[in-house]
Amino acid sequence: MFLPAGEKQFEFWVLRRNGLPNINIAKQFGVSRQAVSRALLSMDKRIEETLLEMARANGIEVEKLDSKKGILFGRSVPFKASAIIFVSAKHGMQVWYEHEGECGSCERYRECIELLWDFADEMQLKLQSTNDPTKIADELFEKLKESIE
């Protein structure tokens, strides 16, 4: 993924997604508000291009895209399922397909739980507590979809 976490533009983008105004980002980094604005415009473009590239590579038809939040909703043509591509500051670029999983017996159970809870925290969303990744994903992505409509 060419969205390196250590890059200032990406740090600005994450802070803005967390609700910090540009002027506060500028003060925190000792740069001008205009420099932050230019960096965010550039980062928004990179995020959008990367989301679209991931959608093409995974055969996902785009329904909604929000580059400021780093989220793309679509439909997987090969899997005939809803899909979401999102940027996580902790986990990088992720693709998730809507599915009914056998989560209890899956070797990636813990990884999925961690990814979903971490991304909910990044997006500052409160979710009902459950140990079922499918239910967490359904609730998380429904709330995200509502936030970009």
Protein backbone atom coordinates (compact mmCIF):
# COMPACT_ATOMS: atom_id res chain seq x y z
CA MET A 1 0.00 0.00 0.00
CA PHE A 2 1.41 3.40 -0.87
CA LEU A 3 -0.25 5.14 2.10
CA PRO A 4 2.65 5.02 4.56
CA ALA A 5 1.61 5.60 8.14
CA GLY A 6 4.76 7.61 8.90
CA GLU A 7 4.12 10.21 6.21
CA LYS A 8 2.97 13.64 7.46
CA GLN A 9 0.23 13.93 4.83
CA PHE A 10 -1.27 10.67 6.08
CA GLU A 11 -0.97 11.80 9.71
CA PHE A 12 -2.81 15.04 8.79
CA TRP A 13 -5.50 12.98 7.04
CA VAL A 14 -6.00 10.70 10.06
CA LEU A 15 -6.23 13.68 12.41
CA ARG A 16 -8.81 15.39 10.17
CA ARG A 17 -10.82 12.14 9.96
CA ASN A 18 -10.76 12.13 13.77
CA GLY A 19 -12.36 15.58 13.74
CA LEU A 20 -9.36 17.86 14.32
CA PRO A 21 -9.71 21.15 12.40
CA ASN A 22 -6.97 22.09 9.91
CA ILE A 23 -5.84 25.03 12.02
CA ASN A 24 -5.21 22.72 15.00
CA ILE A 25 -3.32 20.25 12.81
CA ALA A 26 -1.18 23.15 11.56
CA LYS A 27 -0.41 24.30 15.12
CA GLN A 28 0.41 20.75 16.23
CA PHE A 29 2.96 20.33 13.42
CA GLY A 30 4.22 23.92 13.29
CA VAL A 31 3.14 24.49 9.68
CA SER A 32 0.70 26.85 7.99
CA ARG A 33 -3.00 26.10 7.62
CA GLN A 34 -2.51 26.39 3.86
CA ALA A 35 0.21 23.71 3.96
CA VAL A 36 -2.19 21.41 5.79
CA SER A 37 -4.97 22.15 3.29
CA ARG A 38 -2.69 21.39 0.33
CA ALA A 39 -1.45 18.18 1.96
CA LEU A 40 -5.01 17.05 2.68
CA LEU A 41 -6.13 17.71 -0.90
CA SER A 42 -3.20 15.63 -2.14
CA MET A 43 -3.91 12.86 0.38
CA ASP A 44 -7.63 12.79 -0.47
CA LYS A 45 -6.69 12.25 -4.11
CA ARG A 46 -4.25 9.45 -3.21
CA ILE A 47 -6.85 7.78 -0.98
CA GLU A 48 -9.51 7.99 -3.70
CA GLU A 49 -7.16 6.61 -6.35
CA THR A 50 -6.09 3.77 -4.08
CA LEU A 51 -9.66 2.87 -3.14
CA LEU A 52 -10.66 2.82 -6.81
CA GLU A 53 -7.60 0.77 -7.73
CA MET A 54 -8.44 -1.77 -5.02
CA ALA A 55 -12.04 -1.91 -6.25
CA ARG A 56 -10.89 -2.61 -9.82
CA ALA A 57 -8.39 -5.23 -8.68
CA ASN A 58 -11.05 -7.03 -6.64
CA GLY A 59 -13.87 -6.81 -9.18
CA ILE A 60 -15.94 -4.47 -7.03
CA GLU A 61 -18.45 -2.10 -8.64
CA VAL A 62 -18.39 1.22 -6.78
CA GLU A 63 -21.61 2.43 -5.15
CA LYS A 64 -20.29 5.11 -2.75
CA LEU A 65 -16.89 6.56 -2.05
CA ASP A 66 -15.77 9.01 0.63
CA SER A 67 -12.08 9.84 0.35
CA LYS A 68 -12.14 12.02 3.47
CA LYS A 69 -13.19 9.02 5.53
CA GLY A 70 -11.29 6.49 3.42
CA ILE A 71 -14.30 4.30 2.68
CA LEU A 72 -15.65 2.74 -0.51
CA PHE A 73 -18.88 0.75 -0.63
CA GLY A 74 -19.60 -1.49 -3.56
CA ARG A 75 -20.69 -4.84 -4.88
CA SER A 76 -18.33 -7.70 -5.69
CA VAL A 77 -19.10 -8.99 -9.16
CA PRO A 78 -17.30 -12.35 -8.74
CA PHE A 79 -18.69 -13.04 -5.24
CA LYS A 80 -22.11 -11.42 -5.78
CA ALA A 81 -21.83 -9.80 -2.34
CA SER A 82 -21.68 -6.35 -0.85
CA ALA A 83 -18.13 -5.18 -0.18
CA ILE A 84 -16.38 -2.37 1.63
CA ILE A 85 -12.84 -1.15 1.15
CA PHE A 86 -11.49 1.04 3.91
CA VAL A 87 -8.32 2.68 5.15
CA SER A 88 -7.34 1.84 8.70
CA ALA A 89 -4.53 3.82 10.30
CA LYS A 90 -3.54 0.67 12.22
CA HIS A 91 -4.27 -2.07 9.65
CA GLY A 92 -3.79 -0.31 6.31
CA MET A 93 -6.07 -0.84 3.31
CA GLN A 94 -8.68 -3.54 3.92
CA VAL A 95 -11.34 -5.26 1.81
CA TRP A 96 -14.31 -6.87 3.57
CA TYR A 97 -17.05 -8.89 1.88
CA GLU A 98 -20.49 -9.30 3.39
CA HIS A 99 -20.86 -12.94 4.34
CA GLU A 100 -22.23 -15.32 6.92
CA GLY A 101 -19.11 -16.84 8.39
CA GLU A 102 -18.37 -19.86 10.51
CA CYS A 103 -16.53 -17.49 12.81
CA GLY A 104 -16.21 -19.78 15.83
CA SER A 105 -14.20 -22.34 13.87
CA CYS A 106 -12.21 -19.89 11.72
CA GLU A 107 -8.45 -19.58 12.27
CA ARG A 108 -8.69 -15.83 11.56
CA TYR A 109 -11.36 -15.22 14.22
CA ARG A 110 -9.14 -13.18 16.55
CA GLU A 111 -7.68 -11.19 13.65
CA CYS A 112 -11.16 -10.25 12.38
CA ILE A 113 -12.39 -9.23 15.83
CA GLU A 114 -9.33 -7.03 16.35
CA LEU A 115 -9.60 -5.42 12.92
CA LEU A 116 -13.29 -4.58 13.32
CA TRP A 117 -13.01 -3.21 16.88
CA ASP A 118 -9.91 -1.19 15.97
CA PHE A 119 -11.60 0.33 12.93
CA ALA A 120 -14.74 1.16 14.94
CA ASP A 121 -12.48 2.96 17.44
CA GLU A 122 -10.69 4.83 14.63
CA MET A 123 -14.04 5.95 13.25
CA GLN A 124 -15.24 6.86 16.76
CA LEU A 125 -18.24 4.55 16.52
CA LYS A 126 -19.81 2.78 19.49
CA LEU A 127 -20.91 -0.77 18.76
CA GLN A 128 -22.87 -3.33 20.74
CA SER A 129 -20.53 -5.74 22.44
CA THR A 130 -20.50 -9.19 20.83
CA ASN A 131 -18.00 -11.89 19.98
CA ASP A 132 -19.47 -12.51 16.52
CA PRO A 133 -17.38 -10.80 13.81
CA THR A 134 -20.25 -11.05 11.31
CA LYS A 135 -22.58 -9.10 13.64
CA ILE A 136 -19.85 -6.57 14.45
CA ALA A 137 -19.17 -6.05 10.74
CA ASP A 138 -22.87 -5.67 9.91
CA GLU A 139 -23.36 -3.02 12.62
CA LEU A 140 -20.08 -1.21 11.86
CA PHE A 141 -20.60 -1.01 8.13
CA GLU A 142 -24.26 -0.01 8.45
CA LYS A 143 -23.23 2.91 10.68
CA LEU A 144 -20.46 3.87 8.25
CA LYS A 145 -22.85 3.74 5.31
CA GLU A 146 -25.27 6.05 7.15
CA SER A 147 -22.42 8.47 7.86
CA ILE A 148 -21.62 8.97 4.17
CA GLU A 149 -25.14 9.16 2.77
